[in-house]
């Protein structure tokens, strides 16, 4: 009898977990339209750019906009993977700034927004995470759909970016 109760409870928990995973969120973790390399998501920082999987996009203060190259090399690339594409004209969803590409440090086409290379952060585990905001002494920033870096800190926006 106890094994039936345990199995029923486990089955109910799995069903709830499945519904939660499929449900998404109105306030964060939005995933761009299918096929989009970058899109937007609503967070406590406002509407920001995310990659095609809904992971937060960041810009790097050491990059020179319009230079055609990334300043993120070596260990930086492991912590801040480039957002890449196979297209010279990546498909976007809700992004209003000028989108382009450069040849990234690994030779892949790295997506740019208003001439700034875009990256994700390895410590962001789920769509909607913004753990990289202001990282490394304030040189990594989430970015608006228009291409402007957002320099608010998590402390002044009411939380951790969710």
Protein backbone atom coordinates (compact mmCIF):
# COMPACT_ATOMS: atom_id res chain seq x y z
CA UNK A 1 0.00 0.00 0.00
CA UNK A 2 2.79 2.41 0.88
CA UNK A 3 4.53 1.71 -2.43
CA UNK A 4 1.37 2.74 -4.32
CA UNK A 5 1.22 6.00 -2.37
CA UNK A 6 4.89 6.68 -3.04
CA UNK A 7 4.48 5.92 -6.76
CA UNK A 8 1.42 8.17 -6.99
CA UNK A 9 3.23 11.03 -5.25
CA UNK A 10 6.29 10.59 -7.45
CA UNK A 11 4.14 10.53 -10.60
CA UNK A 12 2.33 13.69 -9.53
CA UNK A 13 5.62 15.44 -8.83
CA UNK A 14 6.97 14.49 -12.25
CA UNK A 15 3.80 15.72 -13.95
CA UNK A 16 4.04 19.05 -12.11
CA UNK A 17 7.70 19.36 -13.03
CA UNK A 18 6.84 18.72 -16.68
CA UNK A 19 4.14 21.41 -16.65
CA UNK A 20 6.51 23.88 -15.02
CA UNK A 21 9.22 23.24 -17.62
CA UNK A 22 6.79 23.79 -20.49
CA UNK A 23 4.98 26.76 -19.02
CA UNK A 24 7.61 29.47 -19.31
CA UNK A 25 7.40 32.77 -17.46
CA UNK A 26 5.80 36.09 -18.19
CA UNK A 27 8.59 38.05 -16.54
CA UNK A 28 11.83 36.32 -17.52
CA UNK A 29 13.30 33.50 -19.49
CA UNK A 30 11.37 34.24 -22.67
CA UNK A 31 12.68 32.34 -25.67
CA UNK A 32 12.85 34.16 -29.03
CA UNK A 33 10.85 32.97 -32.03
CA UNK A 34 12.07 29.68 -33.48
CA UNK A 35 15.03 30.20 -35.79
CA UNK A 36 16.06 33.51 -34.20
CA UNK A 37 19.69 33.82 -33.17
CA UNK A 38 18.85 36.62 -30.73
CA UNK A 39 15.62 38.01 -29.32
CA UNK A 40 14.34 39.75 -26.22
CA UNK A 41 13.19 38.89 -22.71
CA UNK A 42 11.56 40.95 -19.96
CA UNK A 43 13.61 41.06 -16.74
CA UNK A 44 14.04 43.31 -13.73
CA UNK A 45 16.56 45.23 -15.89
CA UNK A 46 13.80 45.88 -18.42
CA UNK A 47 13.67 44.26 -21.85
CA UNK A 48 17.06 42.78 -22.68
CA UNK A 49 18.63 40.78 -25.51
CA UNK A 50 18.89 37.01 -25.20
CA UNK A 51 20.25 34.29 -27.45
CA UNK A 52 18.06 31.83 -29.34
CA UNK A 53 17.76 29.64 -26.23
CA UNK A 54 16.68 32.54 -24.01
CA UNK A 55 20.08 32.93 -22.31
CA UNK A 56 21.06 36.50 -21.45
CA UNK A 57 23.32 38.33 -23.90
CA UNK A 58 26.12 40.55 -22.59
CA UNK A 59 28.48 43.18 -23.99
CA UNK A 60 32.08 43.65 -22.85
CA UNK A 61 33.51 47.10 -22.08
CA UNK A 62 36.91 46.07 -23.46
CA UNK A 63 35.42 45.58 -26.93
CA UNK A 64 35.59 48.58 -29.25
CA UNK A 65 32.26 48.99 -31.06
CA UNK A 66 32.72 48.70 -34.80
CA UNK A 67 36.28 47.37 -34.55
CA UNK A 68 35.32 44.07 -36.13
CA UNK A 69 36.99 42.00 -33.43
CA UNK A 70 36.46 40.62 -29.95
CA UNK A 71 38.71 41.52 -27.02
CA UNK A 72 37.58 38.36 -25.19
CA UNK A 73 40.36 35.81 -25.68
CA UNK A 74 41.93 32.91 -23.79
CA UNK A 75 40.17 32.07 -20.52
CA UNK A 76 37.66 34.83 -21.19
CA UNK A 77 36.16 32.76 -24.02
CA UNK A 78 35.47 29.86 -21.64
CA UNK A 79 33.62 32.07 -19.15
CA UNK A 80 31.93 34.27 -21.76
CA UNK A 81 31.02 32.15 -24.81
CA UNK A 82 30.31 34.12 -27.98
CA UNK A 83 26.82 34.11 -29.45
CA UNK A 84 27.43 32.66 -32.89
CA UNK A 85 25.53 32.10 -36.11
CA UNK A 86 26.03 30.46 -39.47
CA UNK A 87 24.41 33.37 -41.32
CA UNK A 88 25.83 36.73 -42.40
CA UNK A 89 22.38 38.18 -41.66
CA UNK A 90 21.18 36.48 -38.47
CA UNK A 91 17.44 36.22 -37.87
CA UNK A 92 16.32 38.24 -34.84
CA UNK A 93 13.12 38.66 -32.84
CA UNK A 94 12.30 42.03 -31.27
CA UNK A 95 15.82 43.48 -31.57
CA UNK A 96 15.85 47.02 -32.99
CA UNK A 97 19.58 47.80 -33.05
CA UNK A 98 21.81 47.00 -36.03
CA UNK A 99 22.67 43.30 -36.01
CA UNK A 100 25.75 41.97 -37.78
CA UNK A 101 28.61 39.53 -37.43
CA UNK A 102 32.37 39.51 -36.99
CA UNK A 103 34.88 36.69 -37.14
CA UNK A 104 35.14 35.62 -33.51
CA UNK A 105 38.30 34.53 -31.77
CA UNK A 106 37.56 30.89 -32.60
CA UNK A 107 36.87 31.65 -36.27
CA UNK A 108 33.07 31.34 -35.98
CA UNK A 109 30.68 34.15 -36.95
CA UNK A 110 30.02 36.06 -33.74
CA UNK A 111 26.81 38.07 -33.56
CA UNK A 112 27.14 41.82 -32.96
CA UNK A 113 24.63 44.46 -31.93
CA UNK A 114 25.46 48.02 -32.95
CA UNK A 115 29.01 46.84 -33.63
CA UNK A 116 29.49 45.23 -30.19
CA UNK A 117 30.12 41.47 -30.01
CA UNK A 118 27.56 39.54 -27.95
CA UNK A 119 28.32 36.85 -25.35
CA UNK A 120 26.57 34.63 -22.82
CA UNK A 121 27.90 33.89 -19.31
CA UNK A 122 28.81 30.37 -18.19
CA UNK A 123 27.35 30.91 -14.68
CA UNK A 124 23.89 31.69 -16.11
CA UNK A 125 22.28 28.27 -15.81
CA UNK A 126 18.74 29.02 -16.97
CA UNK A 127 16.96 31.45 -19.29
CA UNK A 128 16.37 34.67 -17.36
CA UNK A 129 19.56 34.38 -15.27
CA UNK A 130 21.63 37.59 -15.25
CA UNK A 131 24.53 36.55 -13.00
CA UNK A 132 27.03 38.27 -15.31
CA UNK A 133 25.55 41.75 -14.90
CA UNK A 134 28.31 44.11 -13.74
CA UNK A 135 30.78 41.21 -13.41
CA UNK A 136 34.54 41.54 -13.10
CA UNK A 137 34.46 44.99 -11.57
CA UNK A 138 31.75 46.34 -13.86
CA UNK A 139 32.86 45.47 -17.39
CA UNK A 140 30.08 43.06 -18.48
CA UNK A 141 26.54 44.30 -19.11
CA UNK A 142 23.15 43.13 -20.30
CA UNK A 143 22.05 44.97 -23.42
CA UNK A 144 18.79 46.56 -24.57
CA UNK A 145 17.11 45.62 -27.88
CA UNK A 146 18.36 48.97 -29.27
CA UNK A 147 21.98 47.97 -28.51
CA UNK A 148 22.52 50.10 -25.40
CA UNK A 149 24.34 48.52 -22.48
CA UNK A 150 22.31 48.57 -19.27
CA UNK A 151 24.51 49.41 -16.29
CA UNK A 152 21.96 49.02 -13.49
CA UNK A 153 23.18 46.76 -10.72
CA UNK A 154 21.09 43.89 -9.41
CA UNK A 155 20.86 45.72 -6.07
CA UNK A 156 19.16 48.79 -7.62
CA UNK A 157 16.67 46.88 -9.75
CA UNK A 158 15.09 44.77 -7.04
CA UNK A 159 16.78 41.41 -7.41
CA UNK A 160 18.89 39.04 -9.39
CA UNK A 161 17.41 39.65 -12.79
CA UNK A 162 14.34 37.47 -12.61
